[in-house]
Structures are given as C-alpha cells and as structure tokens.
Amino acid sequence: TIALCGAAPAAWSQATLISYETGIEASTEFVGVPSSAYGAWSVTPCAGCRTAVLRLDEDSQFFVGNAPVALATLRKYAARGASHLDVYYETKTQRVTRVILRMQLDAADVPAKQQGKAKQGGAVEPRTKS
C-alpha cells in the first residue's frame, strides 16, 4: 500500500501532461486551405455544420498523403477538386497540429528524402547525427 501511495503522485503528474487532440474530417469542397501558415482559420467541415475557429502557427504541419509539404503545395493539391482533408488540433488551445490532404504527391513533387517535419509552411528540417 505504501509503495502504491508513493507512485500515485508521479503517475498523476504524468497523466496531466497528456495533450488531447481533436480531429475534423472534411472535404476541400467545404474547407478552404488557408493562405498563411499563421493566424486564425475558420473550418466548416460540411454544409450546415458548426464552424470551428482554429489557430495556425510555426509548429503546424502540412501533409499530402504521408509526405510533409509546404502549405503552398497543400493548397495546390487541394485546388484540384474535392478531396478528403483531416485537420487535427489541440482541444484546449484550438492550435492546429497537422493538416493532412488524403491524396498522393505526383512523382515530380516527391522530395528526394522524406525525413524531418514540415514547419513554417513546410520547410523540412534535416536530421543530424549525434
């Protein structure tokens, strides 16, 4: 019993660090991809659905399929027609963590190395060896 009581505060403090995330499934028919990777973004996932006002920042990531891309590339692909768009955001802060357009990049747009994460509208950070 004493061991459990001693471990409970540590476990509780870890539980409060969990980030809760919400996802919105939408279509590019109803959601316009923002022109800037910073600031407010109003997302209405369907006709008649409630609008969510979310916040984009330098840590928001953009993907076409599983490939990290610049926001401009995401906009280019979204403009091709109706496609599924997944928007994930932190529930408490309304900060967008990632936006995924469910389609694949054309061969010409696939980066030589798909590593790192898209930041500030899609700049890819190379990983370094330590």
C-alpha atoms as a PDB file:
ATOM      1  CA  THR A   1       0.000   0.000   0.000  1.00  0.00           C
ATOM      2  CA  ILE A   2       2.817   2.405   0.872  1.00  0.00           C
ATOM      3  CA  ALA A   3       4.524   1.727  -2.482  1.00  0.00           C
ATOM      4  CA  LEU A   4       1.300   2.431  -4.375  1.00  0.00           C
ATOM      5  CA  CYS A   5       0.707   5.678  -2.490  1.00  0.00           C
ATOM      6  CA  GLY A   6       4.245   6.791  -3.317  1.00  0.00           C
ATOM      7  CA  ALA A   7       3.836   6.022  -7.029  1.00  0.00           C
ATOM      8  CA  ALA A   8       0.414   7.661  -7.405  1.00  0.00           C
ATOM      9  CA  PRO A   9       1.597  11.302  -7.382  1.00  0.00           C
ATOM     10  CA  ALA A  10       4.217  10.574 -10.064  1.00  0.00           C
ATOM     11  CA  ALA A  11       1.673   8.775 -12.235  1.00  0.00           C
ATOM     12  CA  TRP A  12      -0.855  11.593 -11.792  1.00  0.00           C
ATOM     13  CA  SER A  13       1.678  14.261 -12.800  1.00  0.00           C
ATOM     14  CA  GLN A  14       2.447  12.292 -15.980  1.00  0.00           C
ATOM     15  CA  ALA A  15      -1.257  11.966 -16.777  1.00  0.00           C
ATOM     16  CA  THR A  16      -1.717  15.730 -16.701  1.00  0.00           C
ATOM     17  CA  LEU A  17       0.958  16.129 -19.397  1.00  0.00           C
ATOM     18  CA  ILE A  18      -1.121  14.264 -21.997  1.00  0.00           C
ATOM     19  CA  SER A  19      -2.098  16.503 -24.897  1.00  0.00           C
ATOM     20  CA  TYR A  20      -5.660  15.989 -26.058  1.00  0.00           C
ATOM     21  CA  GLU A  21      -6.226  16.322 -29.751  1.00  0.00           C
ATOM     22  CA  THR A  22      -9.382  16.555 -31.823  1.00  0.00           C
ATOM     23  CA  GLY A  23      -9.727  15.773 -35.499  1.00  0.00           C
ATOM     24  CA  ILE A  24     -12.088  17.121 -38.113  1.00  0.00           C
ATOM     25  CA  GLU A  25     -12.779  15.125 -41.251  1.00  0.00           C
ATOM     26  CA  ALA A  26     -13.830  17.432 -44.041  1.00  0.00           C
ATOM     27  CA  SER A  27     -13.776  17.877 -47.765  1.00  0.00           C
ATOM     28  CA  THR A  28     -11.995  20.542 -49.740  1.00  0.00           C
ATOM     29  CA  GLU A  29     -15.478  21.307 -51.113  1.00  0.00           C
ATOM     30  CA  PHE A  30     -16.362  22.897 -47.762  1.00  0.00           C
ATOM     31  CA  VAL A  31     -12.997  23.870 -46.261  1.00  0.00           C
ATOM     32  CA  GLY A  32     -10.692  26.358 -47.911  1.00  0.00           C
ATOM     33  CA  VAL A  33      -7.000  25.786 -47.245  1.00  0.00           C
ATOM     34  CA  PRO A  34      -5.588  28.927 -45.603  1.00  0.00           C
ATOM     35  CA  SER A  35      -3.192  31.169 -47.500  1.00  0.00           C
ATOM     36  CA  SER A  36      -0.971  31.745 -44.463  1.00  0.00           C
ATOM     37  CA  ALA A  37       0.569  29.280 -42.014  1.00  0.00           C
ATOM     38  CA  TYR A  38      -0.080  31.759 -39.174  1.00  0.00           C
ATOM     39  CA  GLY A  39      -3.233  33.105 -37.571  1.00  0.00           C
ATOM     40  CA  ALA A  40      -6.884  32.152 -37.374  1.00  0.00           C
ATOM     41  CA  TRP A  41      -8.503  29.597 -39.699  1.00  0.00           C
ATOM     42  CA  SER A  42     -12.266  29.064 -39.823  1.00  0.00           C
ATOM     43  CA  VAL A  43     -13.111  25.445 -40.613  1.00  0.00           C
ATOM     44  CA  THR A  44     -16.658  24.424 -41.525  1.00  0.00           C
ATOM     45  CA  PRO A  45     -16.473  20.689 -42.288  1.00  0.00           C
ATOM     46  CA  CYS A  46     -19.821  20.390 -44.097  1.00  0.00           C
ATOM     47  CA  ALA A  47     -22.839  22.375 -45.246  1.00  0.00           C
ATOM     48  CA  GLY A  48     -24.804  23.233 -42.110  1.00  0.00           C
ATOM     49  CA  CYS A  49     -22.027  22.156 -39.725  1.00  0.00           C
ATOM     50  CA  ARG A  50     -20.782  24.367 -36.924  1.00  0.00           C
ATOM     51  CA  THR A  51     -17.676  26.430 -37.724  1.00  0.00           C
ATOM     52  CA  ALA A  52     -14.542  25.876 -35.660  1.00  0.00           C
ATOM     53  CA  VAL A  53     -12.080  28.763 -35.404  1.00  0.00           C
ATOM     54  CA  LEU A  54      -8.612  27.254 -35.144  1.00  0.00           C
ATOM     55  CA  ARG A  55      -5.138  28.750 -34.877  1.00  0.00           C
ATOM     56  CA  LEU A  56      -2.178  28.031 -37.154  1.00  0.00           C
ATOM     57  CA  ASP A  57       1.394  28.673 -36.024  1.00  0.00           C
ATOM     58  CA  GLU A  58       5.006  27.794 -36.843  1.00  0.00           C
ATOM     59  CA  ASP A  59       4.538  24.272 -35.447  1.00  0.00           C
ATOM     60  CA  SER A  60       1.523  23.420 -37.639  1.00  0.00           C
ATOM     61  CA  GLN A  61       2.465  20.675 -40.084  1.00  0.00           C
ATOM     62  CA  PHE A  62       1.060  20.057 -43.563  1.00  0.00           C
ATOM     63  CA  PHE A  63       0.933  16.750 -45.423  1.00  0.00           C
ATOM     64  CA  VAL A  64      -0.213  15.404 -48.760  1.00  0.00           C
ATOM     65  CA  GLY A  65      -0.688  11.735 -48.014  1.00  0.00           C
ATOM     66  CA  ASN A  66       2.161  10.871 -45.662  1.00  0.00           C
ATOM     67  CA  ALA A  67       4.617  13.353 -47.171  1.00  0.00           C
ATOM     68  CA  PRO A  68       5.388  16.590 -45.309  1.00  0.00           C
ATOM     69  CA  VAL A  69       4.886  19.547 -47.650  1.00  0.00           C
ATOM     70  CA  ALA A  70       4.852  23.319 -47.688  1.00  0.00           C
ATOM     71  CA  LEU A  71       1.481  24.996 -47.253  1.00  0.00           C
ATOM     72  CA  ALA A  72       1.702  26.207 -50.870  1.00  0.00           C
ATOM     73  CA  THR A  73       1.969  22.589 -52.061  1.00  0.00           C
ATOM     74  CA  LEU A  74      -1.013  21.565 -49.934  1.00  0.00           C
ATOM     75  CA  ARG A  75      -3.032  24.441 -51.445  1.00  0.00           C
ATOM     76  CA  LYS A  76      -2.021  23.407 -54.981  1.00  0.00           C
ATOM     77  CA  TYR A  77      -3.246  19.836 -54.462  1.00  0.00           C
ATOM     78  CA  ALA A  78      -6.421  20.919 -52.645  1.00  0.00           C
ATOM     79  CA  ALA A  79      -7.324  23.126 -55.625  1.00  0.00           C
ATOM     80  CA  ARG A  80      -7.512  20.056 -57.885  1.00  0.00           C
ATOM     81  CA  GLY A  81     -11.008  19.217 -56.700  1.00  0.00           C
ATOM     82  CA  ALA A  82     -12.900  17.544 -53.897  1.00  0.00           C
ATOM     83  CA  SER A  83     -10.589  15.584 -51.604  1.00  0.00           C
ATOM     84  CA  HIS A  84     -10.697  14.455 -48.007  1.00  0.00           C
ATOM     85  CA  LEU A  85      -8.974  16.787 -45.576  1.00  0.00           C
ATOM     86  CA  ASP A  86      -8.130  15.856 -41.979  1.00  0.00           C
ATOM     87  CA  VAL A  87      -7.462  18.715 -39.572  1.00  0.00           C
ATOM     88  CA  TYR A  88      -6.039  17.871 -36.143  1.00  0.00           C
ATOM     89  CA  TYR A  89      -5.873  20.418 -33.352  1.00  0.00           C
ATOM     90  CA  GLU A  90      -5.271  20.651 -29.630  1.00  0.00           C
ATOM     91  CA  THR A  91      -8.683  20.640 -27.986  1.00  0.00           C
ATOM     92  CA  LYS A  92      -7.806  23.065 -25.215  1.00  0.00           C
ATOM     93  CA  THR A  93      -5.853  25.656 -27.221  1.00  0.00           C
ATOM     94  CA  GLN A  94      -7.518  25.228 -30.659  1.00  0.00           C
ATOM     95  CA  ARG A  95      -3.978  25.138 -32.156  1.00  0.00           C
ATOM     96  CA  VAL A  96      -3.696  23.170 -35.405  1.00  0.00           C
ATOM     97  CA  THR A  97      -1.075  20.445 -35.083  1.00  0.00           C
ATOM     98  CA  ARG A  98      -1.345  18.973 -38.582  1.00  0.00           C
ATOM     99  CA  VAL A  99      -3.401  19.067 -41.758  1.00  0.00           C
ATOM    100  CA  ILE A 100      -3.487  16.006 -43.996  1.00  0.00           C
ATOM    101  CA  LEU A 101      -4.843  16.014 -47.536  1.00  0.00           C
ATOM    102  CA  ARG A 102      -5.706  12.404 -48.374  1.00  0.00           C
ATOM    103  CA  MET A 103      -4.112  12.012 -51.783  1.00  0.00           C
ATOM    104  CA  GLN A 104      -0.633  11.177 -53.026  1.00  0.00           C
ATOM    105  CA  LEU A 105       2.024  13.545 -54.323  1.00  0.00           C
ATOM    106  CA  ASP A 106       2.858  13.431 -58.014  1.00  0.00           C
ATOM    107  CA  ALA A 107       6.266  11.878 -58.679  1.00  0.00           C
ATOM    108  CA  ALA A 108       7.663  15.311 -59.609  1.00  0.00           C
ATOM    109  CA  ASP A 109       6.747  16.705 -56.169  1.00  0.00           C
ATOM    110  CA  VAL A 110       8.153  13.857 -54.046  1.00  0.00           C
ATOM    111  CA  PRO A 111      11.253  15.111 -52.203  1.00  0.00           C
ATOM    112  CA  ALA A 112      14.456  13.092 -52.585  1.00  0.00           C
ATOM    113  CA  LYS A 113      14.446  12.336 -48.845  1.00  0.00           C
ATOM    114  CA  GLN A 114      11.195  12.395 -46.900  1.00  0.00           C
ATOM    115  CA  GLN A 115      12.537  12.965 -43.406  1.00  0.00           C
ATOM    116  CA  GLY A 116      12.209  15.674 -40.784  1.00  0.00           C
ATOM    117  CA  LYS A 117       8.995  17.560 -40.172  1.00  0.00           C
ATOM    118  CA  ALA A 118       7.289  20.317 -42.068  1.00  0.00           C
ATOM    119  CA  LYS A 119       7.499  23.623 -40.190  1.00  0.00           C
ATOM    120  CA  GLN A 120       6.606  27.199 -41.028  1.00  0.00           C
ATOM    121  CA  GLY A 121       4.591  26.375 -44.060  1.00  0.00           C
ATOM    122  CA  GLY A 122       6.523  23.254 -44.893  1.00  0.00           C
ATOM    123  CA  ALA A 123      10.278  23.842 -44.651  1.00  0.00           C
ATOM    124  CA  VAL A 124      11.781  20.430 -43.898  1.00  0.00           C
ATOM    125  CA  GLU A 125      14.377  20.195 -41.132  1.00  0.00           C
ATOM    126  CA  PRO A 126      17.172  17.716 -41.893  1.00  0.00           C
ATOM    127  CA  ARG A 127      18.064  15.330 -39.112  1.00  0.00           C
ATOM    128  CA  THR A 128      21.613  15.379 -37.843  1.00  0.00           C
ATOM    129  CA  LYS A 129      23.633  12.536 -36.352  1.00  0.00           C
ATOM    130  CA  SER A 130      24.667  12.963 -32.719  1.00  0.00           C
END
